[in-house]
Amino acid sequence: MARKAARRAPGATCWRSGIVAATIRRRETYDDEDGSGFSGNYVGYYGSPKLRATFNADWVYRNFTTSLFVNFTGKTKWAYGPYDTDNTPANCTAAGVGMPENLCEGAASYTTVNLGLSWKPLKNLTVGLNVKNVLDKRPYYDPNGWEGYAHDQNLFGRQFALSASYKFW
């Protein structure tokens, strides 16, 4: 006897997915240029945070899908590695530049929130609106980065994007 597939009632809502992805690093090493061995552990130093994480949840209502993304990057020291004795909290410098007292310990953690909304008005047509950096988080001052900002952060603040796609087959 064949069973009928369960169907969602028209207008019903559901959580389609919820995903958390995190990278917790304990060790990151590089080969020395001369091939003599490893140069040390760089986790927690500039550009190499111990923790990076993303949370994603999608919510579906009829032919609408809403998506939420929360992205987190952990704090790091200003020093480039264990060998860097110039850019330490005691010296309160980064890239050889004196830092404000509140930034002596290193680059702060960084969190952004993104939202997406898609609508499927026809079988093969999807229209979307995405808002990147909803809270308009600005990057912190970073003397190591381009024009004083970290390369991996959003320099432009909140951004909007419209999209449309049509599948012909």
Foldseek 3Di string as FASTA:
>chain_A
DDDDDDDDDAFDKDWPDKDKDKAADDFDWDQPPVRPGTDGGQEQAPPHDRMKMKIKTWMDTHQKIKMKIKIKGAWHFLARGPVGPCLALVNCDHPNHHDPNVCSRGAHMDMFMKMKMWGPPDPFKIKMKIKTRVVQDAFDFHPVDDVRGNPPDDHPGIDMDIDMGGDPD
